[in-house]
Amino acid sequence: MRKAAIKVENQLAGWLTQDEWGYHFVYNKDYVTMPDARPVSLTLPLREAPYTSKVLFPFFDGLIPEGWLLDIAEKNWKLNPRDRMGLLLACCKDCIGAVSVEEVKEEDTQ
């Protein structure tokens, strides 16, 4: 299983995980109850129940670079272009906009 902390303007908004059943996104309970909380995307409105999908959610997939920038990332970091979660974790820590993605290692959760 791979896990990422999803932040909105450096505030922990939730977690994105990938396992053998697909992708799961769940908002941080503290974030949902904040009066000024914003959803990470209009397609992922604020709620306590997790979102589940067999493929990477389109919003997160859209954060992954395309074209020549993707080619550079794939070659330099030896990334598989079909590994969307791997590309997201490698390329989207400091992406344009309010949302950032930070990989959570297993030792970080223990």
N, C-alpha and C. Protein backbone atom coordinates (compact mmCIF):
# COMPACT_ATOMS: atom_id res chain seq x y z
N MET A 1 0.84 -1.18 0.00
CA MET A 1 0.00 0.00 0.00
C MET A 1 0.89 1.25 0.00
N ARG A 2 0.49 2.22 -0.79
CA ARG A 2 1.19 3.51 -0.82
C ARG A 2 0.23 4.58 -0.32
N LYS A 3 0.80 5.57 0.36
CA LYS A 3 -0.04 6.59 0.99
C LYS A 3 0.57 7.96 0.79
N ALA A 4 -0.30 8.96 0.59
CA ALA A 4 0.14 10.34 0.44
C ALA A 4 -0.70 11.24 1.32
N ALA A 5 -0.05 12.22 1.94
CA ALA A 5 -0.75 13.28 2.65
C ALA A 5 -1.10 14.34 1.62
N ILE A 6 -2.36 14.72 1.59
CA ILE A 6 -2.82 15.75 0.67
C ILE A 6 -3.02 17.03 1.47
N LYS A 7 -2.34 18.08 1.03
CA LYS A 7 -2.41 19.36 1.75
C LYS A 7 -3.02 20.44 0.88
N VAL A 8 -3.80 21.30 1.52
CA VAL A 8 -4.34 22.48 0.86
C VAL A 8 -3.72 23.68 1.58
N GLU A 9 -2.92 24.43 0.85
CA GLU A 9 -2.20 25.57 1.42
C GLU A 9 -1.46 25.17 2.70
N ASN A 10 -0.72 24.08 2.62
CA ASN A 10 0.10 23.53 3.72
C ASN A 10 -0.70 23.04 4.92
N GLN A 11 -2.01 22.93 4.80
CA GLN A 11 -2.86 22.38 5.86
C GLN A 11 -3.25 20.95 5.46
N LEU A 12 -3.02 19.98 6.35
CA LEU A 12 -3.37 18.60 6.03
C LEU A 12 -4.87 18.48 5.78
N ALA A 13 -5.24 18.14 4.55
CA ALA A 13 -6.65 18.01 4.19
C ALA A 13 -7.12 16.56 4.21
N GLY A 14 -6.23 15.62 3.90
CA GLY A 14 -6.65 14.22 3.86
C GLY A 14 -5.53 13.32 3.40
N TRP A 15 -5.91 12.07 3.14
CA TRP A 15 -4.93 11.06 2.72
C TRP A 15 -5.43 10.34 1.48
N LEU A 16 -4.52 10.12 0.56
CA LEU A 16 -4.78 9.33 -0.64
C LEU A 16 -3.98 8.04 -0.51
N THR A 17 -4.64 6.90 -0.65
CA THR A 17 -3.95 5.62 -0.57
C THR A 17 -4.24 4.80 -1.82
N GLN A 18 -3.30 3.92 -2.12
CA GLN A 18 -3.47 2.96 -3.20
C GLN A 18 -3.18 1.59 -2.62
N ASP A 19 -4.09 0.65 -2.85
CA ASP A 19 -3.88 -0.73 -2.43
C ASP A 19 -4.37 -1.65 -3.54
N GLU A 20 -4.45 -2.93 -3.26
CA GLU A 20 -4.84 -3.89 -4.30
C GLU A 20 -6.27 -3.71 -4.80
N TRP A 21 -7.10 -2.95 -4.08
CA TRP A 21 -8.49 -2.71 -4.49
C TRP A 21 -8.66 -1.39 -5.22
N GLY A 22 -7.64 -0.58 -5.28
CA GLY A 22 -7.74 0.68 -6.00
C GLY A 22 -7.25 1.85 -5.17
N TYR A 23 -7.88 2.99 -5.37
CA TYR A 23 -7.49 4.24 -4.73
C TYR A 23 -8.57 4.68 -3.75
N HIS A 24 -8.12 5.31 -2.67
CA HIS A 24 -9.04 5.77 -1.63
C HIS A 24 -8.59 7.16 -1.19
N PHE A 25 -9.54 8.07 -1.09
CA PHE A 25 -9.24 9.39 -0.55
C PHE A 25 -10.20 9.65 0.59
N VAL A 26 -9.64 10.08 1.72
CA VAL A 26 -10.46 10.42 2.89
C VAL A 26 -9.95 11.73 3.47
N TYR A 27 -10.90 12.61 3.79
CA TYR A 27 -10.53 13.88 4.41
C TYR A 27 -10.16 13.68 5.87
N ASN A 28 -9.22 14.48 6.34
CA ASN A 28 -8.84 14.53 7.74
C ASN A 28 -10.05 15.08 8.52
N LYS A 29 -10.46 14.41 9.58
CA LYS A 29 -11.64 14.83 10.35
C LYS A 29 -11.48 16.24 10.89
N ASP A 30 -10.29 16.61 11.34
CA ASP A 30 -10.06 17.96 11.85
C ASP A 30 -10.22 19.00 10.73
N TYR A 31 -9.80 18.64 9.53
CA TYR A 31 -9.89 19.55 8.41
C TYR A 31 -11.36 19.80 8.02
N VAL A 32 -12.15 18.74 7.98
CA VAL A 32 -13.56 18.85 7.57
C VAL A 32 -14.33 19.77 8.50
N THR A 33 -13.98 19.78 9.78
CA THR A 33 -14.73 20.59 10.75
C THR A 33 -14.24 22.04 10.83
N MET A 34 -13.17 22.37 10.13
CA MET A 34 -12.70 23.76 10.13
C MET A 34 -13.71 24.66 9.43
N PRO A 35 -13.99 25.84 9.96
CA PRO A 35 -15.00 26.71 9.33
C PRO A 35 -14.61 27.18 7.93
N ASP A 36 -13.32 27.31 7.64
CA ASP A 36 -12.90 27.79 6.33
C ASP A 36 -12.34 26.67 5.44
N ALA A 37 -12.68 25.42 5.75
CA ALA A 37 -12.18 24.29 4.96
C ALA A 37 -12.71 24.36 3.53
N ARG A 38 -11.80 24.06 2.60
CA ARG A 38 -12.16 24.01 1.18
C ARG A 38 -11.90 22.60 0.68
N PRO A 39 -12.75 22.10 -0.20
CA PRO A 39 -12.46 20.77 -0.78
C PRO A 39 -11.21 20.85 -1.66
N VAL A 40 -10.52 19.72 -1.79
CA VAL A 40 -9.35 19.70 -2.66
C VAL A 40 -9.76 19.87 -4.12
N SER A 41 -10.99 19.49 -4.42
CA SER A 41 -11.51 19.58 -5.78
C SER A 41 -13.04 19.64 -5.72
N LEU A 42 -13.65 20.23 -6.73
CA LEU A 42 -15.11 20.22 -6.81
C LEU A 42 -15.65 18.81 -7.00
N THR A 43 -14.82 17.92 -7.54
CA THR A 43 -15.24 16.54 -7.75
C THR A 43 -15.07 15.70 -6.49
N LEU A 44 -14.44 16.27 -5.44
CA LEU A 44 -14.25 15.58 -4.15
C LEU A 44 -14.74 16.50 -3.04
N PRO A 45 -16.07 16.75 -2.98
CA PRO A 45 -16.58 17.67 -1.96
C PRO A 45 -16.29 17.18 -0.54
N LEU A 46 -16.25 18.12 0.40
CA LEU A 46 -15.99 17.77 1.79
C LEU A 46 -17.02 16.78 2.31
N ARG A 47 -16.54 15.72 2.92
CA ARG A 47 -17.38 14.73 3.60
C ARG A 47 -16.49 13.83 4.43
N GLU A 48 -17.09 13.17 5.40
CA GLU A 48 -16.31 12.28 6.27
C GLU A 48 -16.12 10.90 5.66
N ALA A 49 -17.03 10.45 4.82
CA ALA A 49 -16.93 9.13 4.20
C ALA A 49 -15.82 9.13 3.15
N PRO A 50 -15.09 8.02 3.04
CA PRO A 50 -14.00 7.96 2.05
C PRO A 50 -14.53 7.85 0.62
N TYR A 51 -13.73 8.32 -0.31
CA TYR A 51 -13.98 8.14 -1.73
C TYR A 51 -13.15 6.94 -2.19
N THR A 52 -13.71 6.14 -3.09
CA THR A 52 -13.01 4.95 -3.58
C THR A 52 -13.15 4.89 -5.10
N SER A 53 -12.07 4.47 -5.77
CA SER A 53 -12.08 4.35 -7.22
C SER A 53 -11.09 3.29 -7.66
N LYS A 54 -11.38 2.62 -8.75
CA LYS A 54 -10.44 1.63 -9.32
C LYS A 54 -9.27 2.32 -10.01
N VAL A 55 -9.48 3.55 -10.48
CA VAL A 55 -8.42 4.32 -11.14
C VAL A 55 -8.15 5.58 -10.32
N LEU A 56 -6.99 6.18 -10.54
CA LEU A 56 -6.64 7.40 -9.82
C LEU A 56 -7.69 8.47 -10.11
N PHE A 57 -8.15 9.14 -9.06
CA PHE A 57 -9.17 10.18 -9.21
C PHE A 57 -8.70 11.21 -10.23
N PRO A 58 -9.58 11.65 -11.13
CA PRO A 58 -9.17 12.57 -12.19
C PRO A 58 -8.47 13.84 -11.68
N PHE A 59 -8.90 14.38 -10.55
CA PHE A 59 -8.25 15.57 -10.03
C PHE A 59 -6.77 15.32 -9.77
N PHE A 60 -6.46 14.22 -9.08
CA PHE A 60 -5.07 13.91 -8.76
C PHE A 60 -4.28 13.54 -10.02
N ASP A 61 -4.92 12.84 -10.94
CA ASP A 61 -4.26 12.48 -12.20
C ASP A 61 -3.91 13.75 -12.98
N GLY A 62 -4.76 14.76 -12.88
CA GLY A 62 -4.52 16.01 -13.58
C GLY A 62 -3.35 16.81 -13.03
N LEU A 63 -2.90 16.50 -11.81
CA LEU A 63 -1.74 17.18 -11.24
C LEU A 63 -0.42 16.69 -11.84
N ILE A 64 -0.44 15.49 -12.41
CA ILE A 64 0.77 14.89 -12.99
C ILE A 64 1.15 15.65 -14.26
N PRO A 65 2.42 16.02 -14.40
CA PRO A 65 2.82 16.76 -15.61
C PRO A 65 2.63 15.93 -16.88
N GLU A 66 2.61 16.64 -17.99
CA GLU A 66 2.42 16.00 -19.29
C GLU A 66 3.55 16.39 -20.22
N GLY A 67 3.58 15.74 -21.36
CA GLY A 67 4.50 16.11 -22.44
C GLY A 67 5.96 15.99 -22.07
N TRP A 68 6.75 16.97 -22.47
CA TRP A 68 8.20 16.93 -22.29
C TRP A 68 8.58 16.90 -20.81
N LEU A 69 7.80 17.56 -19.95
CA LEU A 69 8.12 17.55 -18.53
C LEU A 69 7.93 16.15 -17.94
N LEU A 70 6.90 15.47 -18.37
CA LEU A 70 6.69 14.08 -17.94
C LEU A 70 7.81 13.19 -18.46
N ASP A 71 8.23 13.40 -19.71
CA ASP A 71 9.33 12.61 -20.28
C ASP A 71 10.60 12.78 -19.45
N ILE A 72 10.90 14.00 -19.04
CA ILE A 72 12.09 14.25 -18.22
C ILE A 72 11.98 13.53 -16.88
N ALA A 73 10.82 13.62 -16.24
CA ALA A 73 10.62 12.96 -14.94
C ALA A 73 10.76 11.45 -15.08
N GLU A 74 10.17 10.88 -16.10
CA GLU A 74 10.24 9.43 -16.31
C GLU A 74 11.68 8.97 -16.51
N LYS A 75 12.43 9.70 -17.32
CA LYS A 75 13.81 9.30 -17.63
C LYS A 75 14.75 9.52 -16.45
N ASN A 76 14.66 10.69 -15.81
CA ASN A 76 15.59 11.01 -14.72
C ASN A 76 15.33 10.20 -13.46
N TRP A 77 14.07 9.94 -13.16
CA TRP A 77 13.73 9.20 -11.94
C TRP A 77 13.38 7.74 -12.23
N LYS A 78 13.50 7.36 -13.52
CA LYS A 78 13.21 5.99 -13.95
C LYS A 78 11.82 5.54 -13.48
N LEU A 79 10.81 6.37 -13.81
CA LEU A 79 9.43 6.10 -13.42
C LEU A 79 8.69 5.40 -14.54
N ASN A 80 7.79 4.53 -14.17
CA ASN A 80 6.93 3.85 -15.13
C ASN A 80 5.77 4.78 -15.47
N PRO A 81 5.56 5.11 -16.76
CA PRO A 81 4.48 6.03 -17.12
C PRO A 81 3.09 5.50 -16.80
N ARG A 82 2.97 4.20 -16.57
CA ARG A 82 1.67 3.62 -16.22
C ARG A 82 1.42 3.62 -14.71
N ASP A 83 2.44 3.94 -13.93
CA ASP A 83 2.32 3.98 -12.47
C ASP A 83 1.89 5.39 -12.06
N ARG A 84 0.60 5.64 -12.11
CA ARG A 84 0.09 6.98 -11.85
C ARG A 84 0.35 7.44 -10.42
N MET A 85 0.23 6.55 -9.45
CA MET A 85 0.49 6.93 -8.06
C MET A 85 1.97 7.26 -7.88
N GLY A 86 2.84 6.49 -8.49
CA GLY A 86 4.27 6.76 -8.42
C GLY A 86 4.62 8.11 -9.02
N LEU A 87 4.01 8.43 -10.16
CA LEU A 87 4.24 9.72 -10.80
C LEU A 87 3.72 10.85 -9.92
N LEU A 88 2.55 10.66 -9.33
CA LEU A 88 1.97 11.67 -8.45
C LEU A 88 2.89 11.93 -7.26
N LEU A 89 3.38 10.87 -6.64
CA LEU A 89 4.24 11.02 -5.47
C LEU A 89 5.57 11.68 -5.82
N ALA A 90 6.10 11.37 -7.00
CA ALA A 90 7.41 11.91 -7.40
C ALA A 90 7.33 13.34 -7.90
N CYS A 91 6.25 13.69 -8.57
CA CYS A 91 6.20 14.96 -9.29
C CYS A 91 5.34 16.05 -8.65
N CYS A 92 4.55 15.73 -7.66
CA CYS A 92 3.53 16.69 -7.22
C CYS A 92 3.68 17.19 -5.79
N LYS A 93 4.87 17.09 -5.26
CA LYS A 93 5.07 17.61 -3.90
C LYS A 93 4.93 19.12 -3.89
N ASP A 94 5.42 19.76 -4.91
CA ASP A 94 5.36 21.22 -4.99
C ASP A 94 4.78 21.62 -6.33
N CYS A 95 3.51 21.34 -6.53
CA CYS A 95 2.90 21.64 -7.81
C CYS A 95 2.23 23.02 -7.77
N ILE A 96 1.85 23.52 -8.91
CA ILE A 96 1.21 24.82 -9.02
C ILE A 96 -0.18 24.71 -8.39
N GLY A 97 -0.56 25.73 -7.64
CA GLY A 97 -1.88 25.75 -7.03
C GLY A 97 -1.80 25.51 -5.53
N ALA A 98 -2.96 25.36 -4.92
CA ALA A 98 -3.06 25.25 -3.46
C ALA A 98 -2.81 23.85 -2.94
N VAL A 99 -2.91 22.83 -3.80
CA VAL A 99 -2.83 21.44 -3.35
C VAL A 99 -1.41 20.90 -3.55
N SER A 100 -0.92 20.19 -2.53
CA SER A 100 0.37 19.50 -2.64
C SER A 100 0.22 18.07 -2.16
N VAL A 101 1.12 17.22 -2.61
CA VAL A 101 1.08 15.79 -2.33
C VAL A 101 2.41 15.38 -1.72
N GLU A 102 2.38 14.79 -0.53
CA GLU A 102 3.60 14.35 0.13
C GLU A 102 3.49 12.87 0.47
N GLU A 103 4.46 12.11 0.02
CA GLU A 103 4.46 10.68 0.29
C GLU A 103 4.58 10.43 1.79
N VAL A 104 3.81 9.47 2.28
CA VAL A 104 3.88 9.04 3.67
C VAL A 104 4.51 7.65 3.68
N LYS A 105 5.68 7.55 4.25
CA LYS A 105 6.35 6.25 4.36
C LYS A 105 5.73 5.47 5.51
N GLU A 106 5.82 4.15 5.44
CA GLU A 106 5.23 3.30 6.49
C GLU A 106 5.79 3.62 7.87
N GLU A 107 7.10 3.93 7.95
CA GLU A 107 7.67 4.23 9.25
C GLU A 107 7.13 5.55 9.81
N ASP A 108 6.60 6.44 8.93
CA ASP A 108 6.01 7.70 9.39
C ASP A 108 4.68 7.49 10.08
N THR A 109 4.00 6.40 9.77
CA THR A 109 2.67 6.16 10.33
C THR A 109 2.71 5.33 11.59
N GLN A 110 3.87 4.83 11.99
CA GLN A 110 3.96 3.98 13.16
C GLN A 110 4.42 4.76 14.37
